[in-house]
Amino acid sequence: MLQFYSNESSSNFNVSSVFASTCTWTGATSTSWAVSSNWNSCASTTPQSGDDVVVNGGTNQPTLDLTSGPVTINSLSLGSSASSTLTISNGDTNTKRLIITNDVTIGGSGTLTHTANTTTHVHSLYLEVGGNMTISSGGKIDVSGKGYQGATLAYADGFGPGKGKYGSLYAGGEHMEAMAGMGLAPLHMGVSRTAH
């Protein structure tokens, strides 16, 4: 990347190179991705669009909150040799995603996941990867048990010619008979409906 700046004493432009950083997670302060003191060698800030991100252990494990929108980095290396979990919070399939311009490598000690949902769908794991994605043996993308909480909604007797009785709707839990957005690309994994 090139940065242009002008010299006030002349009309000439000077060109300087701006190099991307390799930002290494330390988790020294908290679990927040957005806190600069949790990062080492990151130009006194948090990872930017041209930066390579390394998460390999740390005092606290990182949570990337996407409430404000997408975050772009150059590459991601997760758990190459030390137990490491990157949790995505408030992601969705529309605009709130982690964008990795180049490669993603999840090492044998790495886990990529999202925050657990409760009774509403708030958290999703949506990545946009421009390069290769490699998951080593032992590494994983794991969202087990992070869908909606199970719930039963009971209905009163129906009306009209059929007048159904004792209807109920089950959402979440272990019921997997049907999924919202059913087909080759379900919209919300872990959501199901069963009528009794």
N, C-alpha and C. Protein backbone atom coordinates (compact mmCIF):
# COMPACT_ATOMS: atom_id res chain seq x y z
N MET A 1 0.85 -1.16 0.00
CA MET A 1 0.00 0.00 0.00
C MET A 1 0.90 1.23 0.00
N LEU A 2 0.52 2.26 -0.70
CA LEU A 2 1.28 3.50 -0.73
C LEU A 2 0.50 4.59 -0.04
N GLN A 3 1.22 5.46 0.66
CA GLN A 3 0.59 6.59 1.30
C GLN A 3 1.21 7.85 0.72
N PHE A 4 0.38 8.78 0.30
CA PHE A 4 0.86 10.04 -0.26
C PHE A 4 0.68 11.13 0.78
N TYR A 5 1.67 12.00 0.88
CA TYR A 5 1.51 13.17 1.73
C TYR A 5 2.27 14.32 1.10
N SER A 6 1.82 15.52 1.38
CA SER A 6 2.47 16.67 0.77
C SER A 6 3.43 17.32 1.74
N ASN A 7 4.44 17.96 1.19
CA ASN A 7 5.40 18.71 1.97
C ASN A 7 4.92 20.16 1.94
N GLU A 8 4.67 20.74 3.10
CA GLU A 8 4.09 22.08 3.15
C GLU A 8 4.97 23.14 2.49
N SER A 9 6.28 22.92 2.49
CA SER A 9 7.18 23.94 1.94
C SER A 9 7.35 23.85 0.43
N SER A 10 6.79 22.82 -0.19
CA SER A 10 6.90 22.72 -1.64
C SER A 10 5.64 22.07 -2.19
N SER A 11 5.54 22.07 -3.49
CA SER A 11 4.37 21.46 -4.12
C SER A 11 4.64 20.01 -4.50
N ASN A 12 5.79 19.47 -4.08
CA ASN A 12 6.14 18.08 -4.39
C ASN A 12 5.41 17.12 -3.45
N PHE A 13 5.13 15.94 -3.96
CA PHE A 13 4.53 14.90 -3.13
C PHE A 13 5.59 13.86 -2.79
N ASN A 14 5.58 13.41 -1.58
CA ASN A 14 6.48 12.35 -1.14
C ASN A 14 5.66 11.07 -1.02
N VAL A 15 6.29 9.96 -1.30
CA VAL A 15 5.62 8.67 -1.23
C VAL A 15 6.32 7.84 -0.17
N SER A 16 5.53 7.27 0.74
CA SER A 16 6.12 6.37 1.73
C SER A 16 5.34 5.07 1.74
N SER A 17 6.00 4.00 2.05
CA SER A 17 5.33 2.71 2.11
C SER A 17 4.68 2.52 3.47
N VAL A 18 3.50 1.97 3.44
CA VAL A 18 2.80 1.62 4.67
C VAL A 18 2.70 0.11 4.67
N PHE A 19 3.34 -0.52 5.64
CA PHE A 19 3.38 -1.97 5.67
C PHE A 19 2.33 -2.51 6.63
N ALA A 20 1.74 -3.59 6.24
CA ALA A 20 0.77 -4.26 7.11
C ALA A 20 1.51 -4.91 8.27
N SER A 21 0.78 -5.11 9.34
CA SER A 21 1.34 -5.73 10.54
C SER A 21 0.94 -7.19 10.63
N THR A 22 1.70 -7.95 11.41
CA THR A 22 1.27 -9.28 11.84
C THR A 22 0.83 -9.10 13.28
N CYS A 23 -0.46 -9.07 13.48
CA CYS A 23 -1.05 -8.82 14.80
C CYS A 23 -1.20 -10.14 15.53
N THR A 24 -0.56 -10.25 16.70
CA THR A 24 -0.60 -11.47 17.49
C THR A 24 -1.43 -11.24 18.74
N TRP A 25 -2.42 -12.09 18.94
CA TRP A 25 -3.32 -12.00 20.10
C TRP A 25 -2.57 -12.39 21.37
N THR A 26 -2.69 -11.54 22.40
CA THR A 26 -2.15 -11.88 23.72
C THR A 26 -3.27 -12.04 24.75
N GLY A 27 -4.37 -11.32 24.55
CA GLY A 27 -5.47 -11.36 25.51
C GLY A 27 -5.08 -10.84 26.87
N ALA A 28 -4.11 -9.94 26.92
CA ALA A 28 -3.57 -9.46 28.19
C ALA A 28 -4.59 -8.68 29.02
N THR A 29 -5.55 -8.03 28.35
CA THR A 29 -6.49 -7.17 29.06
C THR A 29 -7.88 -7.78 29.22
N SER A 30 -8.38 -8.42 28.15
CA SER A 30 -9.76 -8.93 28.17
C SER A 30 -9.94 -9.91 27.01
N THR A 31 -11.20 -10.25 26.73
CA THR A 31 -11.52 -11.11 25.59
C THR A 31 -11.87 -10.29 24.34
N SER A 32 -11.93 -8.99 24.45
CA SER A 32 -12.40 -8.15 23.35
C SER A 32 -11.37 -7.95 22.25
N TRP A 33 -11.74 -8.33 21.03
CA TRP A 33 -10.93 -8.12 19.83
C TRP A 33 -10.65 -6.63 19.66
N ALA A 34 -11.59 -5.78 20.05
CA ALA A 34 -11.53 -4.34 19.80
C ALA A 34 -10.66 -3.56 20.78
N VAL A 35 -9.98 -4.22 21.68
CA VAL A 35 -9.11 -3.54 22.65
C VAL A 35 -7.66 -3.71 22.20
N SER A 36 -7.00 -2.60 21.89
CA SER A 36 -5.64 -2.65 21.33
C SER A 36 -4.62 -3.30 22.27
N SER A 37 -4.82 -3.19 23.58
CA SER A 37 -3.85 -3.77 24.51
C SER A 37 -3.91 -5.30 24.56
N ASN A 38 -4.86 -5.91 23.83
CA ASN A 38 -4.92 -7.36 23.71
C ASN A 38 -4.07 -7.88 22.56
N TRP A 39 -3.43 -6.97 21.83
CA TRP A 39 -2.66 -7.33 20.63
C TRP A 39 -1.20 -6.95 20.77
N ASN A 40 -0.34 -7.72 20.15
CA ASN A 40 1.09 -7.45 20.12
C ASN A 40 1.50 -7.22 18.67
N SER A 41 2.42 -6.30 18.44
CA SER A 41 2.94 -6.00 17.09
C SER A 41 1.85 -5.59 16.11
N CYS A 42 0.90 -4.80 16.60
CA CYS A 42 -0.24 -4.42 15.77
C CYS A 42 -0.32 -2.91 15.59
N ALA A 43 0.82 -2.25 15.55
CA ALA A 43 0.90 -0.80 15.34
C ALA A 43 0.02 -0.03 16.32
N SER A 44 0.00 -0.47 17.58
CA SER A 44 -0.75 0.19 18.66
C SER A 44 -2.24 0.32 18.39
N THR A 45 -2.78 -0.63 17.67
CA THR A 45 -4.21 -0.60 17.38
C THR A 45 -4.72 -2.03 17.32
N THR A 46 -5.90 -2.23 16.76
CA THR A 46 -6.46 -3.56 16.54
C THR A 46 -6.23 -3.95 15.09
N PRO A 47 -6.41 -5.21 14.72
CA PRO A 47 -6.15 -5.62 13.33
C PRO A 47 -6.96 -4.81 12.31
N GLN A 48 -6.25 -4.41 11.26
CA GLN A 48 -6.86 -3.64 10.17
C GLN A 48 -6.93 -4.51 8.91
N SER A 49 -7.49 -3.97 7.85
CA SER A 49 -7.77 -4.76 6.65
C SER A 49 -6.54 -5.39 6.00
N GLY A 50 -5.38 -4.82 6.14
CA GLY A 50 -4.18 -5.39 5.52
C GLY A 50 -3.38 -6.27 6.44
N ASP A 51 -3.84 -6.46 7.67
CA ASP A 51 -3.05 -7.17 8.68
C ASP A 51 -3.27 -8.68 8.67
N ASP A 52 -2.18 -9.39 8.99
CA ASP A 52 -2.25 -10.83 9.21
C ASP A 52 -2.50 -11.04 10.70
N VAL A 53 -3.47 -11.89 11.04
CA VAL A 53 -3.86 -12.10 12.44
C VAL A 53 -3.45 -13.49 12.88
N VAL A 54 -2.77 -13.55 14.04
CA VAL A 54 -2.34 -14.82 14.63
C VAL A 54 -2.95 -14.92 16.02
N VAL A 55 -3.74 -15.97 16.24
CA VAL A 55 -4.29 -16.28 17.56
C VAL A 55 -3.74 -17.65 17.93
N ASN A 56 -2.84 -17.67 18.90
CA ASN A 56 -2.20 -18.92 19.29
C ASN A 56 -1.99 -18.90 20.80
N GLY A 57 -3.07 -19.17 21.53
CA GLY A 57 -3.04 -19.09 22.98
C GLY A 57 -3.40 -17.69 23.44
N GLY A 58 -2.94 -17.33 24.63
CA GLY A 58 -3.22 -16.02 25.20
C GLY A 58 -3.89 -16.15 26.55
N THR A 59 -3.79 -15.10 27.33
CA THR A 59 -4.38 -15.08 28.67
C THR A 59 -5.88 -15.26 28.60
N ASN A 60 -6.55 -14.54 27.72
CA ASN A 60 -7.99 -14.65 27.46
C ASN A 60 -8.16 -15.01 25.99
N GLN A 61 -9.23 -15.70 25.66
CA GLN A 61 -9.52 -16.06 24.27
C GLN A 61 -10.36 -14.95 23.63
N PRO A 62 -10.12 -14.62 22.34
CA PRO A 62 -10.76 -13.46 21.72
C PRO A 62 -12.22 -13.69 21.31
N THR A 63 -13.01 -12.61 21.48
CA THR A 63 -14.37 -12.55 20.96
C THR A 63 -14.44 -11.35 20.03
N LEU A 64 -14.84 -11.59 18.79
CA LEU A 64 -14.99 -10.52 17.79
C LEU A 64 -16.46 -10.16 17.70
N ASP A 65 -16.82 -8.98 18.17
CA ASP A 65 -18.20 -8.51 18.16
C ASP A 65 -18.45 -7.75 16.86
N LEU A 66 -19.39 -8.24 16.05
CA LEU A 66 -19.68 -7.65 14.75
C LEU A 66 -20.93 -6.77 14.76
N THR A 67 -21.32 -6.29 15.94
CA THR A 67 -22.51 -5.43 16.06
C THR A 67 -22.43 -4.25 15.11
N SER A 68 -21.27 -3.65 14.96
CA SER A 68 -21.11 -2.45 14.12
C SER A 68 -20.92 -2.74 12.65
N GLY A 69 -20.84 -4.01 12.27
CA GLY A 69 -20.67 -4.34 10.86
C GLY A 69 -19.48 -5.26 10.63
N PRO A 70 -19.13 -5.47 9.36
CA PRO A 70 -18.08 -6.43 9.02
C PRO A 70 -16.69 -5.96 9.45
N VAL A 71 -15.81 -6.94 9.65
CA VAL A 71 -14.41 -6.67 9.95
C VAL A 71 -13.59 -7.39 8.88
N THR A 72 -12.61 -6.69 8.31
CA THR A 72 -11.76 -7.25 7.26
C THR A 72 -10.32 -7.34 7.75
N ILE A 73 -9.71 -8.50 7.53
CA ILE A 73 -8.29 -8.71 7.81
C ILE A 73 -7.67 -9.39 6.58
N ASN A 74 -6.36 -9.45 6.54
CA ASN A 74 -5.70 -10.07 5.40
C ASN A 74 -5.67 -11.59 5.48
N SER A 75 -5.28 -12.12 6.66
CA SER A 75 -5.23 -13.57 6.84
C SER A 75 -5.46 -13.90 8.31
N LEU A 76 -5.78 -15.18 8.57
CA LEU A 76 -6.02 -15.62 9.94
C LEU A 76 -5.35 -16.97 10.17
N SER A 77 -4.57 -17.04 11.26
CA SER A 77 -3.98 -18.29 11.72
C SER A 77 -4.49 -18.50 13.14
N LEU A 78 -5.15 -19.63 13.39
CA LEU A 78 -5.79 -19.88 14.67
C LEU A 78 -5.33 -21.22 15.24
N GLY A 79 -4.73 -21.19 16.43
CA GLY A 79 -4.38 -22.42 17.14
C GLY A 79 -3.35 -23.30 16.47
N SER A 80 -2.26 -22.72 16.00
CA SER A 80 -1.24 -23.54 15.33
C SER A 80 -0.55 -24.50 16.29
N SER A 81 -0.37 -24.09 17.57
CA SER A 81 0.29 -24.98 18.53
C SER A 81 -0.26 -24.87 19.95
N ALA A 82 -1.05 -23.85 20.25
CA ALA A 82 -1.61 -23.67 21.59
C ALA A 82 -3.13 -23.57 21.49
N SER A 83 -3.81 -24.10 22.49
CA SER A 83 -5.28 -24.09 22.51
C SER A 83 -5.80 -22.67 22.31
N SER A 84 -6.62 -22.49 21.26
CA SER A 84 -7.10 -21.15 20.89
C SER A 84 -8.51 -21.24 20.34
N THR A 85 -9.39 -20.36 20.83
CA THR A 85 -10.77 -20.30 20.35
C THR A 85 -11.08 -18.87 19.96
N LEU A 86 -11.54 -18.67 18.73
CA LEU A 86 -12.02 -17.37 18.28
C LEU A 86 -13.53 -17.47 18.22
N THR A 87 -14.21 -16.61 18.99
CA THR A 87 -15.67 -16.59 19.05
C THR A 87 -16.18 -15.35 18.32
N ILE A 88 -17.10 -15.56 17.39
CA ILE A 88 -17.74 -14.46 16.66
C ILE A 88 -19.06 -14.16 17.35
N SER A 89 -19.31 -12.89 17.62
CA SER A 89 -20.53 -12.47 18.30
C SER A 89 -21.29 -11.51 17.41
N ASN A 90 -22.61 -11.64 17.39
CA ASN A 90 -23.50 -10.75 16.64
C ASN A 90 -23.26 -10.76 15.13
N GLY A 91 -22.82 -11.90 14.60
CA GLY A 91 -22.65 -12.04 13.15
C GLY A 91 -23.97 -12.42 12.51
N ASP A 92 -24.13 -12.11 11.24
CA ASP A 92 -25.31 -12.54 10.50
C ASP A 92 -24.93 -12.87 9.06
N THR A 93 -25.89 -13.31 8.29
CA THR A 93 -25.61 -13.72 6.91
C THR A 93 -25.76 -12.57 5.92
N ASN A 94 -26.11 -11.39 6.38
CA ASN A 94 -26.29 -10.25 5.48
C ASN A 94 -25.05 -9.38 5.38
N THR A 95 -24.70 -8.71 6.45
CA THR A 95 -23.57 -7.77 6.40
C THR A 95 -22.56 -7.95 7.52
N LYS A 96 -22.93 -8.55 8.62
CA LYS A 96 -22.05 -8.66 9.78
C LYS A 96 -21.25 -9.95 9.71
N ARG A 97 -20.08 -9.85 9.09
CA ARG A 97 -19.26 -11.04 8.85
C ARG A 97 -17.79 -10.72 9.03
N LEU A 98 -16.99 -11.77 9.15
CA LEU A 98 -15.54 -11.62 9.15
C LEU A 98 -15.07 -11.88 7.73
N ILE A 99 -14.39 -10.90 7.16
CA ILE A 99 -13.88 -11.00 5.79
C ILE A 99 -12.37 -11.20 5.86
N ILE A 100 -11.90 -12.30 5.30
CA ILE A 100 -10.47 -12.59 5.26
C ILE A 100 -10.05 -12.55 3.79
N THR A 101 -9.27 -11.57 3.42
CA THR A 101 -8.89 -11.35 2.03
C THR A 101 -8.12 -12.52 1.45
N ASN A 102 -7.26 -13.14 2.25
CA ASN A 102 -6.45 -14.25 1.77
C ASN A 102 -6.77 -15.53 2.52
N ASP A 103 -5.77 -16.18 3.11
CA ASP A 103 -5.95 -17.53 3.66
C ASP A 103 -6.38 -17.57 5.13
N VAL A 104 -7.09 -18.65 5.47
CA VAL A 104 -7.44 -18.98 6.85
C VAL A 104 -6.84 -20.34 7.15
N THR A 105 -6.12 -20.43 8.28
CA THR A 105 -5.56 -21.71 8.71
C THR A 105 -6.00 -21.95 10.15
N ILE A 106 -6.76 -23.02 10.34
CA ILE A 106 -7.13 -23.43 11.69
C ILE A 106 -6.26 -24.63 12.02
N GLY A 107 -5.32 -24.40 12.96
CA GLY A 107 -4.38 -25.45 13.32
C GLY A 107 -5.03 -26.50 14.20
N GLY A 108 -4.28 -27.51 14.57
CA GLY A 108 -4.77 -28.62 15.36
C GLY A 108 -5.26 -28.25 16.74
N SER A 109 -4.94 -27.06 17.21
CA SER A 109 -5.39 -26.60 18.53
C SER A 109 -6.37 -25.44 18.42
N GLY A 110 -6.91 -25.21 17.23
CA GLY A 110 -7.79 -24.06 17.00
C GLY A 110 -9.26 -24.42 16.88
N THR A 111 -10.10 -23.54 17.40
CA THR A 111 -11.56 -23.68 17.29
C THR A 111 -12.14 -22.33 16.89
N LEU A 112 -12.97 -22.36 15.86
CA LEU A 112 -13.72 -21.18 15.43
C LEU A 112 -15.18 -21.44 15.76
N THR A 113 -15.84 -20.50 16.43
CA THR A 113 -17.21 -20.71 16.88
C THR A 113 -17.96 -19.37 16.91
N HIS A 114 -19.22 -19.40 17.35
CA HIS A 114 -19.95 -18.16 17.59
C HIS A 114 -20.59 -18.23 18.98
N THR A 115 -20.99 -17.08 19.49
CA THR A 115 -21.65 -16.99 20.78
C THR A 115 -22.95 -17.78 20.73
N ALA A 116 -23.30 -18.42 21.83
CA ALA A 116 -24.53 -19.21 21.89
C ALA A 116 -25.76 -18.31 21.80
N ASN A 117 -26.73 -18.74 21.00
CA ASN A 117 -28.02 -18.06 20.92
C ASN A 117 -28.89 -18.49 22.09
N THR A 118 -29.88 -17.68 22.41
CA THR A 118 -30.83 -18.07 23.46
C THR A 118 -32.17 -18.33 22.80
N THR A 119 -33.16 -17.49 23.02
CA THR A 119 -34.48 -17.74 22.43
C THR A 119 -34.68 -17.06 21.09
N THR A 120 -33.73 -16.24 20.65
CA THR A 120 -33.81 -15.60 19.34
C THR A 120 -32.49 -15.80 18.60
N HIS A 121 -32.54 -15.68 17.28
CA HIS A 121 -31.35 -15.85 16.45
C HIS A 121 -30.60 -14.53 16.38
N VAL A 122 -29.52 -14.42 17.16
CA VAL A 122 -28.71 -13.20 17.21
C VAL A 122 -27.31 -13.44 16.64
N HIS A 123 -26.79 -14.64 16.84
CA HIS A 123 -25.39 -14.92 16.50
C HIS A 123 -25.28 -15.98 15.40
N SER A 124 -24.48 -15.67 14.39
CA SER A 124 -24.17 -16.60 13.31
C SER A 124 -22.68 -16.51 13.01
N LEU A 125 -22.16 -17.55 12.40
CA LEU A 125 -20.76 -17.56 11.98
C LEU A 125 -20.76 -17.50 10.46
N TYR A 126 -20.36 -16.35 9.92
CA TYR A 126 -20.35 -16.16 8.48
C TYR A 126 -19.00 -15.58 8.10
N LEU A 127 -18.26 -16.34 7.32
CA LEU A 127 -16.93 -15.93 6.87
C LEU A 127 -16.94 -15.71 5.37
N GLU A 128 -16.16 -14.75 4.94
CA GLU A 128 -15.91 -14.55 3.51
C GLU A 128 -14.41 -14.70 3.34
N VAL A 129 -13.99 -15.79 2.69
CA VAL A 129 -12.57 -16.12 2.57
C VAL A 129 -12.15 -15.97 1.12
N GLY A 130 -11.14 -15.10 0.89
CA GLY A 130 -10.67 -14.85 -0.46
C GLY A 130 -9.62 -15.83 -0.94
N GLY A 131 -8.96 -16.52 -0.02
CA GLY A 131 -7.93 -17.49 -0.38
C GLY A 131 -8.32 -18.90 -0.02
N ASN A 132 -7.38 -19.66 0.50
CA ASN A 132 -7.63 -21.04 0.90
C ASN A 132 -8.02 -21.11 2.37
N MET A 133 -8.83 -22.10 2.70
CA MET A 133 -9.16 -22.37 4.10
C MET A 133 -8.66 -23.77 4.41
N THR A 134 -7.76 -23.86 5.39
CA THR A 134 -7.17 -25.13 5.78
C THR A 134 -7.51 -25.41 7.23
N ILE A 135 -8.06 -26.59 7.49
CA ILE A 135 -8.36 -27.01 8.86
C ILE A 135 -7.54 -28.27 9.13
N SER A 136 -6.57 -28.15 10.02
CA SER A 136 -5.69 -29.27 10.35
C SER A 136 -6.43 -30.27 11.24
N SER A 137 -5.90 -31.49 11.29
CA SER A 137 -6.45 -32.51 12.17
C SER A 137 -6.48 -31.99 13.60
N GLY A 138 -7.63 -32.06 14.24
CA GLY A 138 -7.80 -31.54 15.59
C GLY A 138 -8.40 -30.15 15.61
N GLY A 139 -8.21 -29.39 14.55
CA GLY A 139 -8.83 -28.07 14.44
C GLY A 139 -10.28 -28.20 14.07
N LYS A 140 -11.09 -27.19 14.36
CA LYS A 140 -12.51 -27.33 14.06
C LYS A 140 -13.26 -26.00 14.00
N ILE A 141 -14.36 -26.06 13.28
CA ILE A 141 -15.38 -25.03 13.34
C ILE A 141 -16.51 -25.71 14.10
N ASP A 142 -16.82 -25.22 15.29
CA ASP A 142 -17.74 -25.92 16.18
C ASP A 142 -18.80 -24.97 16.72
N VAL A 143 -20.04 -25.18 16.30
CA VAL A 143 -21.16 -24.40 16.81
C VAL A 143 -22.17 -25.31 17.52
N SER A 144 -21.69 -26.45 18.00
CA SER A 144 -22.56 -27.41 18.69
C SER A 144 -23.22 -26.76 19.90
N GLY A 145 -24.54 -26.96 20.01
CA GLY A 145 -25.30 -26.46 21.16
C GLY A 145 -25.45 -24.96 21.20
N LYS A 146 -25.22 -24.27 20.08
CA LYS A 146 -25.29 -22.81 20.08
C LYS A 146 -26.45 -22.26 19.27
N GLY A 147 -27.40 -23.14 18.88
CA GLY A 147 -28.61 -22.69 18.19
C GLY A 147 -29.61 -22.15 19.19
N TYR A 148 -30.86 -22.04 18.77
CA TYR A 148 -31.90 -21.54 19.66
C TYR A 148 -32.11 -22.52 20.80
N GLN A 149 -32.55 -22.01 21.94
CA GLN A 149 -32.94 -22.88 23.04
C GLN A 149 -34.27 -23.52 22.68
N GLY A 150 -34.47 -24.76 23.08
CA GLY A 150 -35.73 -25.43 22.83
C GLY A 150 -36.87 -24.78 23.59
N ALA A 151 -38.05 -24.78 22.99
CA ALA A 151 -39.22 -24.21 23.64
C ALA A 151 -40.46 -24.89 23.09
N THR A 152 -41.50 -24.99 23.89
CA THR A 152 -42.77 -25.54 23.44
C THR A 152 -43.83 -24.47 23.60
N LEU A 153 -44.57 -24.23 22.53
CA LEU A 153 -45.67 -23.28 22.57
C LEU A 153 -46.96 -24.05 22.38
N ALA A 154 -47.83 -24.00 23.37
CA ALA A 154 -49.10 -24.73 23.29
C ALA A 154 -50.18 -23.81 22.75
N TYR A 155 -51.10 -24.36 21.99
CA TYR A 155 -52.19 -23.61 21.40
C TYR A 155 -53.52 -24.12 21.94
N ALA A 156 -54.49 -23.22 22.01
CA ALA A 156 -55.85 -23.61 22.42
C ALA A 156 -56.51 -24.36 21.28
N ASP A 157 -57.71 -24.89 21.54
CA ASP A 157 -58.47 -25.58 20.49
C ASP A 157 -58.59 -24.70 19.26
N GLY A 158 -58.50 -25.33 18.09
CA GLY A 158 -58.64 -24.60 16.84
C GLY A 158 -60.08 -24.23 16.55
N PHE A 159 -60.29 -23.45 15.51
CA PHE A 159 -61.63 -23.04 15.11
C PHE A 159 -61.86 -23.45 13.68
N GLY A 160 -63.11 -23.42 13.23
CA GLY A 160 -63.45 -23.75 11.85
C GLY A 160 -63.76 -25.22 11.69
N PRO A 161 -63.93 -25.68 10.44
CA PRO A 161 -64.37 -27.04 10.17
C PRO A 161 -63.44 -28.11 10.73
N GLY A 162 -62.12 -27.89 10.71
CA GLY A 162 -61.20 -28.92 11.19
C GLY A 162 -61.05 -28.94 12.70
N LYS A 163 -61.19 -27.82 13.34
CA LYS A 163 -61.06 -27.62 14.78
C LYS A 163 -60.00 -28.53 15.40
N GLY A 164 -58.74 -28.26 15.08
CA GLY A 164 -57.65 -29.05 15.66
C GLY A 164 -57.55 -28.86 17.16
N LYS A 165 -56.90 -29.79 17.83
CA LYS A 165 -56.78 -29.73 19.28
C LYS A 165 -55.37 -30.17 19.69
N TYR A 166 -54.88 -29.62 20.76
CA TYR A 166 -53.58 -29.98 21.35
C TYR A 166 -52.41 -29.77 20.38
N GLY A 167 -52.44 -28.69 19.63
CA GLY A 167 -51.32 -28.39 18.73
C GLY A 167 -50.14 -27.85 19.51
N SER A 168 -48.96 -28.08 19.04
CA SER A 168 -47.77 -27.50 19.68
C SER A 168 -46.68 -27.30 18.66
N LEU A 169 -45.79 -26.41 18.95
CA LEU A 169 -44.66 -26.11 18.07
C LEU A 169 -43.40 -26.24 18.90
N TYR A 170 -42.43 -27.01 18.41
CA TYR A 170 -41.16 -27.17 19.09
C TYR A 170 -40.10 -26.45 18.27
N ALA A 171 -39.29 -25.62 18.94
CA ALA A 171 -38.22 -24.90 18.23
C ALA A 171 -36.89 -25.21 18.90
N GLY A 172 -35.89 -25.45 18.09
CA GLY A 172 -34.55 -25.71 18.62
C GLY A 172 -34.44 -27.12 19.16
N GLY A 173 -33.70 -27.29 20.25
CA GLY A 173 -33.54 -28.61 20.85
C GLY A 173 -32.97 -29.62 19.88
N GLU A 174 -33.44 -30.86 20.00
CA GLU A 174 -32.92 -31.94 19.18
C GLU A 174 -33.79 -32.24 17.97
N HIS A 175 -34.90 -31.52 17.80
CA HIS A 175 -35.79 -31.79 16.66
C HIS A 175 -35.18 -31.26 15.38
N MET A 176 -34.98 -32.12 14.41
CA MET A 176 -34.36 -31.71 13.16
C MET A 176 -35.18 -32.14 11.95
N GLU A 177 -36.52 -32.28 12.13
CA GLU A 177 -37.35 -32.74 11.01
C GLU A 177 -37.39 -31.73 9.86
N ALA A 178 -37.38 -30.44 10.19
CA ALA A 178 -37.42 -29.41 9.15
C ALA A 178 -36.60 -28.23 9.63
N MET A 179 -35.99 -27.52 8.71
CA MET A 179 -35.19 -26.35 9.08
C MET A 179 -35.68 -25.15 8.31
N ALA A 180 -35.62 -23.97 8.95
CA ALA A 180 -35.97 -22.74 8.26
C ALA A 180 -35.02 -22.58 7.08
N GLY A 181 -35.55 -22.18 5.93
CA GLY A 181 -34.72 -22.04 4.75
C GLY A 181 -34.35 -23.39 4.18
N MET A 182 -35.19 -24.39 4.38
CA MET A 182 -34.94 -25.77 3.97
C MET A 182 -34.45 -25.84 2.53
N GLY A 183 -33.59 -26.75 2.25
CA GLY A 183 -33.08 -26.92 0.90
C GLY A 183 -31.58 -27.15 0.95
N LEU A 184 -30.90 -26.79 -0.10
CA LEU A 184 -29.46 -27.01 -0.17
C LEU A 184 -28.68 -26.05 0.72
N ALA A 185 -29.24 -24.89 1.02
CA ALA A 185 -28.54 -23.90 1.84
C ALA A 185 -29.47 -23.39 2.93
N PRO A 186 -29.64 -24.12 4.03
CA PRO A 186 -30.53 -23.67 5.11
C PRO A 186 -30.09 -22.31 5.64
N LEU A 187 -31.06 -21.48 5.99
CA LEU A 187 -30.76 -20.15 6.50
C LEU A 187 -30.35 -20.18 7.96
N HIS A 188 -31.00 -21.00 8.76
CA HIS A 188 -30.76 -21.01 10.20
C HIS A 188 -30.66 -22.45 10.68
N MET A 189 -29.44 -22.96 10.75
CA MET A 189 -29.24 -24.31 11.24
C MET A 189 -29.67 -24.39 12.70
N GLY A 190 -30.27 -25.51 13.10
CA GLY A 190 -30.65 -25.69 14.48
C GLY A 190 -32.06 -25.25 14.77
N VAL A 191 -32.78 -24.77 13.77
CA VAL A 191 -34.17 -24.38 13.97
C VAL A 191 -35.05 -25.46 13.37
N SER A 192 -36.02 -25.90 14.09
CA SER A 192 -36.89 -26.93 13.55
C SER A 192 -38.32 -26.72 14.00
N ARG A 193 -39.24 -27.31 13.24
CA ARG A 193 -40.65 -27.24 13.59
C ARG A 193 -41.24 -28.63 13.49
N THR A 194 -41.97 -29.02 14.54
CA THR A 194 -42.67 -30.30 14.52
C THR A 194 -44.07 -30.06 15.04
N ALA A 195 -45.06 -30.43 14.29
CA ALA A 195 -46.46 -30.26 14.72
C ALA A 195 -46.98 -31.59 15.21
N HIS A 196 -47.66 -31.57 16.36
CA HIS A 196 -48.26 -32.77 16.92
C HIS A 196 -49.75 -32.57 17.07
